[in-house]
PDB file of N, CA and C in Angstrom:
ATOM      1  N   MET A   1      22.790  32.478  49.342  1.00  0.00           N
ATOM      2  CA  MET A   1      21.835  31.788  50.162  1.00  0.00           C
ATOM      3  C   MET A   1      21.192  30.671  49.334  1.00  0.00           C
ATOM      4  N   SER A   2      21.177  29.488  49.870  1.00  0.00           N
ATOM      5  CA  SER A   2      20.619  28.352  49.136  1.00  0.00           C
ATOM      6  C   SER A   2      19.390  27.805  49.857  1.00  0.00           C
ATOM      7  N   LEU A   3      18.547  27.242  49.084  1.00  0.00           N
ATOM      8  CA  LEU A   3      17.347  26.639  49.647  1.00  0.00           C
ATOM      9  C   LEU A   3      17.650  25.218  50.108  1.00  0.00           C
ATOM     10  N   VAL A   4      17.075  24.871  51.183  1.00  0.00           N
ATOM     11  CA  VAL A   4      17.224  23.504  51.669  1.00  0.00           C
ATOM     12  C   VAL A   4      16.095  22.690  51.058  1.00  0.00           C
ATOM     13  N   PHE A   5      16.471  21.724  50.238  1.00  0.00           N
ATOM     14  CA  PHE A   5      15.486  20.906  49.553  1.00  0.00           C
ATOM     15  C   PHE A   5      15.788  19.451  49.820  1.00  0.00           C
ATOM     16  N   LYS A   6      14.800  18.764  50.271  1.00  0.00           N
ATOM     17  CA  LYS A   6      14.950  17.353  50.562  1.00  0.00           C
ATOM     18  C   LYS A   6      14.299  16.565  49.425  1.00  0.00           C
ATOM     19  N   ASP A   7      15.115  15.838  48.691  1.00  0.00           N
ATOM     20  CA  ASP A   7      14.601  15.055  47.569  1.00  0.00           C
ATOM     21  C   ASP A   7      13.931  13.797  48.106  1.00  0.00           C
ATOM     22  N   GLU A   8      12.622  13.740  47.942  1.00  0.00           N
ATOM     23  CA  GLU A   8      11.872  12.594  48.447  1.00  0.00           C
ATOM     24  C   GLU A   8      11.317  11.751  47.303  1.00  0.00           C
ATOM     25  N   SER A   9      11.942  11.830  46.141  1.00  0.00           N
ATOM     26  CA  SER A   9      11.438  11.082  44.999  1.00  0.00           C
ATOM     27  C   SER A   9      11.674   9.585  45.152  1.00  0.00           C
ATOM     28  N   ASN A  10      12.681   9.208  45.939  1.00  0.00           N
ATOM     29  CA  ASN A  10      12.952   7.787  46.109  1.00  0.00           C
ATOM     30  C   ASN A  10      12.124   7.166  47.235  1.00  0.00           C
ATOM     31  N   ASN A  11      11.412   7.996  47.998  1.00  0.00           N
ATOM     32  CA  ASN A  11      10.545   7.469  49.054  1.00  0.00           C
ATOM     33  C   ASN A  11       9.250   6.975  48.431  1.00  0.00           C
ATOM     34  N   LYS A  12       8.977   5.711  48.637  1.00  0.00           N
ATOM     35  CA  LYS A  12       7.758   5.133  48.085  1.00  0.00           C
ATOM     36  C   LYS A  12       6.796   4.836  49.219  1.00  0.00           C
ATOM     37  N   MET A  13       5.523   4.962  48.925  1.00  0.00           N
ATOM     38  CA  MET A  13       4.520   4.607  49.917  1.00  0.00           C
ATOM     39  C   MET A  13       4.477   3.091  50.040  1.00  0.00           C
ATOM     40  N   THR A  14       4.407   2.625  51.249  1.00  0.00           N
ATOM     41  CA  THR A  14       4.322   1.186  51.451  1.00  0.00           C
ATOM     42  C   THR A  14       2.906   0.720  51.128  1.00  0.00           C
ATOM     43  N   ALA A  15       2.828  -0.464  50.582  1.00  0.00           N
ATOM     44  CA  ALA A  15       1.517  -1.034  50.274  1.00  0.00           C
ATOM     45  C   ALA A  15       0.820  -1.374  51.583  1.00  0.00           C
ATOM     46  N   ARG A  16      -0.423  -0.945  51.686  1.00  0.00           N
ATOM     47  CA  ARG A  16      -1.169  -1.170  52.924  1.00  0.00           C
ATOM     48  C   ARG A  16      -2.440  -1.955  52.636  1.00  0.00           C
ATOM     49  N   THR A  17      -2.865  -2.686  53.645  1.00  0.00           N
ATOM     50  CA  THR A  17      -4.083  -3.479  53.557  1.00  0.00           C
ATOM     51  C   THR A  17      -5.069  -2.969  54.584  1.00  0.00           C
ATOM     52  N   GLN A  18      -6.302  -2.869  54.188  1.00  0.00           N
ATOM     53  CA  GLN A  18      -7.347  -2.406  55.091  1.00  0.00           C
ATOM     54  C   GLN A  18      -7.974  -3.622  55.764  1.00  0.00           C
ATOM     55  N   ILE A  19      -7.978  -3.612  57.093  1.00  0.00           N
ATOM     56  CA  ILE A  19      -8.519  -4.715  57.882  1.00  0.00           C
ATOM     57  C   ILE A  19      -9.685  -4.194  58.715  1.00  0.00           C
ATOM     58  N   ILE A  20     -10.763  -4.948  58.729  1.00  0.00           N
ATOM     59  CA  ILE A  20     -11.932  -4.593  59.535  1.00  0.00           C
ATOM     60  C   ILE A  20     -11.985  -5.552  60.714  1.00  0.00           C
ATOM     61  N   VAL A  21     -11.969  -4.989  61.921  1.00  0.00           N
ATOM     62  CA  VAL A  21     -11.946  -5.782  63.148  1.00  0.00           C
ATOM     63  C   VAL A  21     -13.249  -5.537  63.901  1.00  0.00           C
ATOM     64  N   TRP A  22     -14.004  -6.592  64.133  1.00  0.00           N
ATOM     65  CA  TRP A  22     -15.252  -6.521  64.893  1.00  0.00           C
ATOM     66  C   TRP A  22     -14.935  -6.836  66.346  1.00  0.00           C
ATOM     67  N   LEU A  23     -15.396  -5.986  67.250  1.00  0.00           N
ATOM     68  CA  LEU A  23     -15.079  -6.116  68.671  1.00  0.00           C
ATOM     69  C   LEU A  23     -16.322  -6.457  69.486  1.00  0.00           C
ATOM     70  N   TYR A  24     -16.096  -7.028  70.671  1.00  0.00           N
ATOM     71  CA  TYR A  24     -17.194  -7.254  71.605  1.00  0.00           C
ATOM     72  C   TYR A  24     -17.565  -5.955  72.313  1.00  0.00           C
ATOM     73  N   GLN A  25     -16.545  -5.166  72.663  1.00  0.00           N
ATOM     74  CA  GLN A  25     -16.771  -3.868  73.301  1.00  0.00           C
ATOM     75  C   GLN A  25     -15.924  -2.830  72.581  1.00  0.00           C
ATOM     76  N   ILE A  26     -16.512  -1.688  72.273  1.00  0.00           N
ATOM     77  CA  ILE A  26     -15.801  -0.668  71.501  1.00  0.00           C
ATOM     78  C   ILE A  26     -14.664  -0.045  72.296  1.00  0.00           C
ATOM     79  N   SER A  27     -14.698  -0.145  73.604  1.00  0.00           N
ATOM     80  CA  SER A  27     -13.611   0.418  74.415  1.00  0.00           C
ATOM     81  C   SER A  27     -12.298  -0.328  74.189  1.00  0.00           C
ATOM     82  N   ASP A  28     -12.361  -1.510  73.615  1.00  0.00           N
ATOM     83  CA  ASP A  28     -11.148  -2.274  73.315  1.00  0.00           C
ATOM     84  C   ASP A  28     -10.433  -1.767  72.071  1.00  0.00           C
ATOM     85  N   GLN A  29     -10.989  -0.763  71.407  1.00  0.00           N
ATOM     86  CA  GLN A  29     -10.340  -0.218  70.213  1.00  0.00           C
ATOM     87  C   GLN A  29      -8.945   0.316  70.514  1.00  0.00           C
ATOM     88  N   TYR A  30      -8.740   0.789  71.742  1.00  0.00           N
ATOM     89  CA  TYR A  30      -7.445   1.354  72.106  1.00  0.00           C
ATOM     90  C   TYR A  30      -6.352   0.292  72.109  1.00  0.00           C
ATOM     91  N   LYS A  31      -6.710  -0.944  72.290  1.00  0.00           N
ATOM     92  CA  LYS A  31      -5.744  -2.038  72.272  1.00  0.00           C
ATOM     93  C   LYS A  31      -5.251  -2.333  70.857  1.00  0.00           C
ATOM     94  N   LEU A  32      -5.984  -1.850  69.862  1.00  0.00           N
ATOM     95  CA  LEU A  32      -5.629  -2.130  68.471  1.00  0.00           C
ATOM     96  C   LEU A  32      -4.608  -1.155  67.901  1.00  0.00           C
ATOM     97  N   ARG A  33      -4.294  -0.114  68.623  1.00  0.00           N
ATOM     98  CA  ARG A  33      -3.378   0.908  68.106  1.00  0.00           C
ATOM     99  C   ARG A  33      -2.000   0.352  67.781  1.00  0.00           C
ATOM    100  N   ARG A  34      -1.581  -0.657  68.489  1.00  0.00           N
ATOM    101  CA  ARG A  34      -0.241  -1.196  68.258  1.00  0.00           C
ATOM    102  C   ARG A  34      -0.161  -2.068  67.008  1.00  0.00           C
ATOM    103  N   PHE A  35      -1.308  -2.439  66.446  1.00  0.00           N
ATOM    104  CA  PHE A  35      -1.325  -3.291  65.265  1.00  0.00           C
ATOM    105  C   PHE A  35      -1.275  -2.502  63.963  1.00  0.00           C
ATOM    106  N   GLY A  36      -1.740  -1.256  63.980  1.00  0.00           N
ATOM    107  CA  GLY A  36      -1.755  -0.452  62.757  1.00  0.00           C
ATOM    108  C   GLY A  36      -2.428   0.875  62.998  1.00  0.00           C
ATOM    109  N   ASN A  37      -2.690   1.581  61.923  1.00  0.00           N
ATOM    110  CA  ASN A  37      -3.328   2.896  62.006  1.00  0.00           C
ATOM    111  C   ASN A  37      -4.841   2.742  62.009  1.00  0.00           C
ATOM    112  N   ILE A  38      -5.475   3.247  63.058  1.00  0.00           N
ATOM    113  CA  ILE A  38      -6.934   3.224  63.133  1.00  0.00           C
ATOM    114  C   ILE A  38      -7.463   4.378  62.291  1.00  0.00           C
ATOM    115  N   ILE A  39      -8.242   4.050  61.277  1.00  0.00           N
ATOM    116  CA  ILE A  39      -8.785   5.049  60.374  1.00  0.00           C
ATOM    117  C   ILE A  39     -10.200   5.433  60.779  1.00  0.00           C
ATOM    118  N   TYR A  40     -10.967   4.451  61.214  1.00  0.00           N
ATOM    119  CA  TYR A  40     -12.369   4.703  61.553  1.00  0.00           C
ATOM    120  C   TYR A  40     -12.819   3.674  62.573  1.00  0.00           C
ATOM    121  N   PHE A  41     -13.736   4.077  63.450  1.00  0.00           N
ATOM    122  CA  PHE A  41     -14.395   3.109  64.322  1.00  0.00           C
ATOM    123  C   PHE A  41     -15.847   3.504  64.487  1.00  0.00           C
ATOM    124  N   SER A  42     -16.685   2.502  64.642  1.00  0.00           N
ATOM    125  CA  SER A  42     -18.117   2.711  64.815  1.00  0.00           C
ATOM    126  C   SER A  42     -18.514   2.255  66.206  1.00  0.00           C
ATOM    127  N   ARG A  43     -18.998   3.192  66.999  1.00  0.00           N
ATOM    128  CA  ARG A  43     -19.466   2.835  68.345  1.00  0.00           C
ATOM    129  C   ARG A  43     -20.716   1.966  68.272  1.00  0.00           C
ATOM    130  N   LYS A  44     -21.602   2.302  67.362  1.00  0.00           N
ATOM    131  CA  LYS A  44     -22.871   1.591  67.260  1.00  0.00           C
ATOM    132  C   LYS A  44     -22.673   0.141  66.816  1.00  0.00           C
ATOM    133  N   ASN A  45     -21.884  -0.061  65.775  1.00  0.00           N
ATOM    134  CA  ASN A  45     -21.705  -1.400  65.218  1.00  0.00           C
ATOM    135  C   ASN A  45     -20.489  -2.137  65.767  1.00  0.00           C
ATOM    136  N   LYS A  46     -19.695  -1.465  66.577  1.00  0.00           N
ATOM    137  CA  LYS A  46     -18.540  -2.051  67.270  1.00  0.00           C
ATOM    138  C   LYS A  46     -17.517  -2.666  66.309  1.00  0.00           C
ATOM    139  N   TYR A  47     -17.067  -1.853  65.364  1.00  0.00           N
ATOM    140  CA  TYR A  47     -15.980  -2.307  64.507  1.00  0.00           C
ATOM    141  C   TYR A  47     -14.965  -1.191  64.310  1.00  0.00           C
ATOM    142  N   VAL A  48     -13.751  -1.604  63.932  1.00  0.00           N
ATOM    143  CA  VAL A  48     -12.636  -0.685  63.723  1.00  0.00           C
ATOM    144  C   VAL A  48     -12.037  -0.982  62.359  1.00  0.00           C
ATOM    145  N   VAL A  49     -11.679   0.072  61.620  1.00  0.00           N
ATOM    146  CA  VAL A  49     -10.990  -0.080  60.347  1.00  0.00           C
ATOM    147  C   VAL A  49      -9.535   0.290  60.569  1.00  0.00           C
ATOM    148  N   LEU A  50      -8.656  -0.667  60.282  1.00  0.00           N
ATOM    149  CA  LEU A  50      -7.213  -0.493  60.471  1.00  0.00           C
ATOM    150  C   LEU A  50      -6.507  -0.529  59.126  1.00  0.00           C
ATOM    151  N   TYR A  51      -5.430   0.216  59.009  1.00  0.00           N
ATOM    152  CA  TYR A  51      -4.518   0.069  57.887  1.00  0.00           C
ATOM    153  C   TYR A  51      -3.240  -0.551  58.412  1.00  0.00           C
ATOM    154  N   VAL A  52      -2.814  -1.630  57.745  1.00  0.00           N
ATOM    155  CA  VAL A  52      -1.633  -2.380  58.148  1.00  0.00           C
ATOM    156  C   VAL A  52      -0.756  -2.555  56.916  1.00  0.00           C
ATOM    157  N   SER A  53       0.545  -2.622  57.112  1.00  0.00           N
ATOM    158  CA  SER A  53       1.452  -2.888  56.009  1.00  0.00           C
ATOM    159  C   SER A  53       1.105  -4.240  55.390  1.00  0.00           C
ATOM    160  N   SER A  54       1.071  -4.316  54.072  1.00  0.00           N
ATOM    161  CA  SER A  54       0.637  -5.532  53.382  1.00  0.00           C
ATOM    162  C   SER A  54       1.524  -6.731  53.683  1.00  0.00           C
ATOM    163  N   GLU A  55       2.790  -6.489  53.909  1.00  0.00           N
ATOM    164  CA  GLU A  55       3.687  -7.620  54.167  1.00  0.00           C
ATOM    165  C   GLU A  55       3.426  -8.265  55.523  1.00  0.00           C
ATOM    166  N   TYR A  56       2.850  -7.527  56.456  1.00  0.00           N
ATOM    167  CA  TYR A  56       2.553  -8.069  57.780  1.00  0.00           C
ATOM    168  C   TYR A  56       1.071  -8.357  57.982  1.00  0.00           C
ATOM    169  N   ALA A  57       0.266  -8.182  56.978  1.00  0.00           N
ATOM    170  CA  ALA A  57      -1.191  -8.285  57.133  1.00  0.00           C
ATOM    171  C   ALA A  57      -1.629  -9.662  57.613  1.00  0.00           C
ATOM    172  N   SER A  58      -1.119 -10.718  57.002  1.00  0.00           N
ATOM    173  CA  SER A  58      -1.557 -12.059  57.406  1.00  0.00           C
ATOM    174  C   SER A  58      -1.141 -12.369  58.836  1.00  0.00           C
ATOM    175  N   LYS A  59       0.034 -11.916  59.220  1.00  0.00           N
ATOM    176  CA  LYS A  59       0.512 -12.125  60.593  1.00  0.00           C
ATOM    177  C   LYS A  59      -0.370 -11.370  61.591  1.00  0.00           C
ATOM    178  N   VAL A  60      -0.718 -10.132  61.256  1.00  0.00           N
ATOM    179  CA  VAL A  60      -1.561  -9.314  62.133  1.00  0.00           C
ATOM    180  C   VAL A  60      -2.956  -9.922  62.246  1.00  0.00           C
ATOM    181  N   ILE A  61      -3.494 -10.418  61.141  1.00  0.00           N
ATOM    182  CA  ILE A  61      -4.829 -11.015  61.157  1.00  0.00           C
ATOM    183  C   ILE A  61      -4.862 -12.237  62.064  1.00  0.00           C
ATOM    184  N   THR A  62      -3.869 -13.110  61.956  1.00  0.00           N
ATOM    185  CA  THR A  62      -3.852 -14.300  62.814  1.00  0.00           C
ATOM    186  C   THR A  62      -3.691 -13.921  64.281  1.00  0.00           C
ATOM    187  N   GLU A  63      -2.890 -12.902  64.542  1.00  0.00           N
ATOM    188  CA  GLU A  63      -2.715 -12.465  65.927  1.00  0.00           C
ATOM    189  C   GLU A  63      -3.997 -11.840  66.480  1.00  0.00           C
ATOM    190  N   LEU A  64      -4.681 -11.053  65.657  1.00  0.00           N
ATOM    191  CA  LEU A  64      -5.929 -10.431  66.108  1.00  0.00           C
ATOM    192  C   LEU A  64      -7.020 -11.472  66.368  1.00  0.00           C
ATOM    193  N   LYS A  65      -7.068 -12.506  65.533  1.00  0.00           N
ATOM    194  CA  LYS A  65      -8.079 -13.548  65.724  1.00  0.00           C
ATOM    195  C   LYS A  65      -7.897 -14.288  67.040  1.00  0.00           C
ATOM    196  N   SER A  66      -6.673 -14.310  67.551  1.00  0.00           N
ATOM    197  CA  SER A  66      -6.412 -15.026  68.802  1.00  0.00           C
ATOM    198  C   SER A  66      -6.756 -14.199  70.042  1.00  0.00           C
ATOM    199  N   LYS A  67      -7.018 -12.916  69.864  1.00  0.00           N
ATOM    200  CA  LYS A  67      -7.336 -12.048  71.009  1.00  0.00           C
ATOM    201  C   LYS A  67      -8.766 -12.297  71.475  1.00  0.00           C
ATOM    202  N   ASN A  68      -8.968 -12.285  72.790  1.00  0.00           N
ATOM    203  CA  ASN A  68     -10.295 -12.587  73.328  1.00  0.00           C
ATOM    204  C   ASN A  68     -11.274 -11.424  73.206  1.00  0.00           C
ATOM    205  N   TYR A  69     -10.805 -10.228  72.940  1.00  0.00           N
ATOM    206  CA  TYR A  69     -11.699  -9.081  72.785  1.00  0.00           C
ATOM    207  C   TYR A  69     -12.129  -8.865  71.337  1.00  0.00           C
ATOM    208  N   VAL A  70     -11.628  -9.690  70.415  1.00  0.00           N
ATOM    209  CA  VAL A  70     -11.954  -9.566  68.993  1.00  0.00           C
ATOM    210  C   VAL A  70     -13.009 -10.602  68.626  1.00  0.00           C
ATOM    211  N   GLN A  71     -14.086 -10.125  68.033  1.00  0.00           N
ATOM    212  CA  GLN A  71     -15.165 -11.017  67.615  1.00  0.00           C
ATOM    213  C   GLN A  71     -14.827 -11.684  66.284  1.00  0.00           C
ATOM    214  N   SER A  72     -14.419 -10.887  65.289  1.00  0.00           N
ATOM    215  CA  SER A  72     -14.003 -11.430  64.001  1.00  0.00           C
ATOM    216  C   SER A  72     -13.127 -10.416  63.279  1.00  0.00           C
ATOM    217  N   VAL A  73     -12.396 -10.915  62.276  1.00  0.00           N
ATOM    218  CA  VAL A  73     -11.475 -10.080  61.494  1.00  0.00           C
ATOM    219  C   VAL A  73     -11.682 -10.409  60.022  1.00  0.00           C
ATOM    220  N   GLU A  74     -11.705  -9.371  59.188  1.00  0.00           N
ATOM    221  CA  GLU A  74     -11.812  -9.581  57.745  1.00  0.00           C
ATOM    222  C   GLU A  74     -11.018  -8.511  57.017  1.00  0.00           C
ATOM    223  N   THR A  75     -10.564  -8.846  55.817  1.00  0.00           N
ATOM    224  CA  THR A  75      -9.867  -7.854  55.004  1.00  0.00           C
ATOM    225  C   THR A  75     -10.889  -7.150  54.129  1.00  0.00           C
ATOM    226  N   SER A  76     -10.610  -5.911  53.828  1.00  0.00           N
ATOM    227  CA  SER A  76     -11.519  -5.118  53.018  1.00  0.00           C
ATOM    228  C   SER A  76     -11.398  -5.518  51.554  1.00  0.00           C
ATOM    229  N   LYS A  77     -12.462  -5.356  50.829  1.00  0.00           N
ATOM    230  CA  LYS A  77     -12.482  -5.708  49.408  1.00  0.00           C
ATOM    231  C   LYS A  77     -12.069  -4.540  48.516  1.00  0.00           C
ATOM    232  N   THR A  78     -11.700  -3.407  49.100  1.00  0.00           N
ATOM    233  CA  THR A  78     -11.377  -2.238  48.282  1.00  0.00           C
ATOM    234  C   THR A  78     -10.135  -2.450  47.431  1.00  0.00           C
ATOM    235  N   ASN A  79      -9.220  -3.317  47.847  1.00  0.00           N
ATOM    236  CA  ASN A  79      -8.025  -3.581  47.047  1.00  0.00           C
ATOM    237  C   ASN A  79      -8.371  -4.323  45.763  1.00  0.00           C
ATOM    238  N   LYS A  80      -9.510  -5.000  45.749  1.00  0.00           N
ATOM    239  CA  LYS A  80      -9.898  -5.799  44.595  1.00  0.00           C
ATOM    240  C   LYS A  80     -10.750  -5.031  43.592  1.00  0.00           C
ATOM    241  N   LEU A  81     -11.079  -3.792  43.890  1.00  0.00           N
ATOM    242  CA  LEU A  81     -11.879  -2.991  42.970  1.00  0.00           C
ATOM    243  C   LEU A  81     -11.047  -2.564  41.769  1.00  0.00           C
ATOM    244  N   ASP A  82     -11.674  -2.525  40.617  1.00  0.00           N
ATOM    245  CA  ASP A  82     -10.985  -2.167  39.384  1.00  0.00           C
ATOM    246  C   ASP A  82     -11.393  -0.752  38.975  1.00  0.00           C
ATOM    247  N   PHE A  83     -10.426   0.167  38.993  1.00  0.00           N
ATOM    248  CA  PHE A  83     -10.689   1.553  38.626  1.00  0.00           C
ATOM    249  C   PHE A  83     -10.047   1.922  37.289  1.00  0.00           C
ATOM    250  N   SER A  84      -9.701   0.932  36.485  1.00  0.00           N
ATOM    251  CA  SER A  84      -9.047   1.217  35.212  1.00  0.00           C
ATOM    252  C   SER A  84     -10.044   1.825  34.223  1.00  0.00           C
ATOM    253  N   ALA A  85      -9.521   2.542  33.259  1.00  0.00           N
ATOM    254  CA  ALA A  85     -10.365   3.203  32.262  1.00  0.00           C
ATOM    255  C   ALA A  85     -11.108   2.177  31.407  1.00  0.00           C
ATOM    256  N   GLU A  86     -10.447   1.061  31.095  1.00  0.00           N
ATOM    257  CA  GLU A  86     -11.086   0.026  30.283  1.00  0.00           C
ATOM    258  C   GLU A  86     -12.310  -0.550  30.996  1.00  0.00           C
ATOM    259  N   HIS A  87     -12.156  -0.776  32.291  1.00  0.00           N
ATOM    260  CA  HIS A  87     -13.269  -1.328  33.070  1.00  0.00           C
ATOM    261  C   HIS A  87     -14.433  -0.337  33.126  1.00  0.00           C
ATOM    262  N   GLU A  88     -14.119   0.937  33.310  1.00  0.00           N
ATOM    263  CA  GLU A  88     -15.165   1.960  33.352  1.00  0.00           C
ATOM    264  C   GLU A  88     -15.909   2.041  32.024  1.00  0.00           C
ATOM    265  N   GLU A  89     -15.163   1.996  30.920  1.00  0.00           N
ATOM    266  CA  GLU A  89     -15.794   2.045  29.599  1.00  0.00           C
ATOM    267  C   GLU A  89     -16.693   0.832  29.382  1.00  0.00           C
ATOM    268  N   LYS A  90     -16.230  -0.330  29.805  1.00  0.00           N
ATOM    269  CA  LYS A  90     -17.022  -1.552  29.667  1.00  0.00           C
ATOM    270  C   LYS A  90     -18.319  -1.445  30.465  1.00  0.00           C
ATOM    271  N   MET A  91     -18.222  -0.958  31.695  1.00  0.00           N
ATOM    272  CA  MET A  91     -19.408  -0.819  32.541  1.00  0.00           C
ATOM    273  C   MET A  91     -20.389   0.195  31.949  1.00  0.00           C
ATOM    274  N   MET A  92     -19.877   1.306  31.443  1.00  0.00           N
ATOM    275  CA  MET A  92     -20.740   2.322  30.836  1.00  0.00           C
ATOM    276  C   MET A  92     -21.432   1.769  29.592  1.00  0.00           C
ATOM    277  N   ARG A  93     -20.714   0.997  28.795  1.00  0.00           N
ATOM    278  CA  ARG A  93     -21.293   0.394  27.603  1.00  0.00           C
ATOM    279  C   ARG A  93     -22.426  -0.568  27.984  1.00  0.00           C
ATOM    280  N   GLU A  94     -22.183  -1.390  29.019  1.00  0.00           N
ATOM    281  CA  GLU A  94     -23.212  -2.333  29.470  1.00  0.00           C
ATOM    282  C   GLU A  94     -24.439  -1.599  30.011  1.00  0.00           C
ATOM    283  N   LEU A  95     -24.220  -0.530  30.770  1.00  0.00           N
ATOM    284  CA  LEU A  95     -25.342   0.254  31.288  1.00  0.00           C
ATOM    285  C   LEU A  95     -26.137   0.905  30.159  1.00  0.00           C
ATOM    286  N   LYS A  96     -25.429   1.384  29.147  1.00  0.00           N
ATOM    287  CA  LYS A  96     -26.091   2.014  28.006  1.00  0.00           C
ATOM    288  C   LYS A  96     -26.965   1.001  27.273  1.00  0.00           C
ATOM    289  N   GLU A  97     -26.416  -0.194  27.040  1.00  0.00           N
ATOM    290  CA  GLU A  97     -27.182  -1.234  26.354  1.00  0.00           C
ATOM    291  C   GLU A  97     -28.409  -1.633  27.165  1.00  0.00           C
ATOM    292  N   GLU A  98     -28.248  -1.743  28.472  1.00  0.00           N
ATOM    293  CA  GLU A  98     -29.365  -2.105  29.345  1.00  0.00           C
ATOM    294  C   GLU A  98     -30.443  -1.019  29.340  1.00  0.00           C
ATOM    295  N   ALA A  99     -30.024   0.247  29.363  1.00  0.00           N
ATOM    296  CA  ALA A  99     -30.985   1.355  29.342  1.00  0.00           C
ATOM    297  C   ALA A  99     -31.736   1.400  28.016  1.00  0.00           C
ATOM    298  N   GLU A 100     -31.033   1.179  26.907  1.00  0.00           N
ATOM    299  CA  GLU A 100     -31.691   1.162  25.600  1.00  0.00           C
ATOM    300  C   GLU A 100     -32.699   0.018  25.510  1.00  0.00           C
ATOM    301  N   LYS A 101     -32.335  -1.115  26.068  1.00  0.00           N
ATOM    302  CA  LYS A 101     -33.223  -2.273  26.064  1.00  0.00           C
ATOM    303  C   LYS A 101     -34.495  -1.980  26.864  1.00  0.00           C
ATOM    304  N   LEU A 102     -34.343  -1.365  28.030  1.00  0.00           N
ATOM    305  CA  LEU A 102     -35.501  -1.002  28.851  1.00  0.00           C
ATOM    306  C   LEU A 102     -36.379   0.036  28.158  1.00  0.00           C
ATOM    307  N   ARG A 103     -35.742   0.985  27.479  1.00  0.00           N
ATOM    308  CA  ARG A 103     -36.502   2.011  26.767  1.00  0.00           C
ATOM    309  C   ARG A 103     -37.321   1.395  25.637  1.00  0.00           C
ATOM    310  N   GLU A 104     -36.726   0.458  24.912  1.00  0.00           N
ATOM    311  CA  GLU A 104     -37.446  -0.218  23.831  1.00  0.00           C
ATOM    312  C   GLU A 104     -38.632  -1.012  24.378  1.00  0.00           C
ATOM    313  N   GLU A 105     -38.439  -1.676  25.515  1.00  0.00           N
ATOM    314  CA  GLU A 105     -39.534  -2.436  26.129  1.00  0.00           C
ATOM    315  C   GLU A 105     -40.660  -1.503  26.556  1.00  0.00           C
ATOM    316  N   ASN A 106     -40.311  -0.354  27.098  1.00  0.00           N
ATOM    317  CA  ASN A 106     -41.323   0.611  27.536  1.00  0.00           C
ATOM    318  C   ASN A 106     -42.049   1.241  26.357  1.00  0.00           C
ATOM    319  N   GLU A 107     -41.371   1.422  25.236  1.00  0.00           N
ATOM    320  CA  GLU A 107     -42.030   1.964  24.046  1.00  0.00           C
ATOM    321  C   GLU A 107     -43.055   0.974  23.516  1.00  0.00           C
ATOM    322  N   ASP A 108     -42.754  -0.317  23.611  1.00  0.00           N
ATOM    323  CA  ASP A 108     -43.711  -1.332  23.174  1.00  0.00           C
ATOM    324  C   ASP A 108     -44.964  -1.301  24.043  1.00  0.00           C
ATOM    325  N   LEU A 109     -44.827  -0.974  25.305  1.00  0.00           N
ATOM    326  CA  LEU A 109     -45.972  -0.917  26.209  1.00  0.00           C
ATOM    327  C   LEU A 109     -46.850   0.293  25.931  1.00  0.00           C
ATOM    328  N   ARG A 110     -46.268   1.365  25.449  1.00  0.00           N
ATOM    329  CA  ARG A 110     -47.011   2.602  25.195  1.00  0.00           C
ATOM    330  C   ARG A 110     -47.935   2.467  23.994  1.00  0.00           C
ATOM    331  N   VAL A 111     -47.539   1.684  23.026  1.00  0.00           N
ATOM    332  CA  VAL A 111     -48.307   1.580  21.786  1.00  0.00           C
ATOM    333  C   VAL A 111     -49.557   0.803  21.939  1.00  0.00           C
TER     334      VAL A 111
END
């Protein structure tokens, strides 16, 4: 008896872009399903967060901007965030220096 194993090591995740679509009416969110995966929507603020394949993102954005039920479209800035270890160390070092500087200033006030 052998196990059925499907080797999925060659399957790569496609690069996706997060798009924020502002709507005039939140009921129009259902029309956006054909453009990508709806991850989140806000009834109060009337916006939808979509994930779209990166290769089609610019095409989808231009098409969404032409729709009469769409108020505005923007790409998310999360792709531009830096989560590397070097960046984290740099930020921690800067915060440490700033905290030490504030502590020294406060010690001068106490005396």
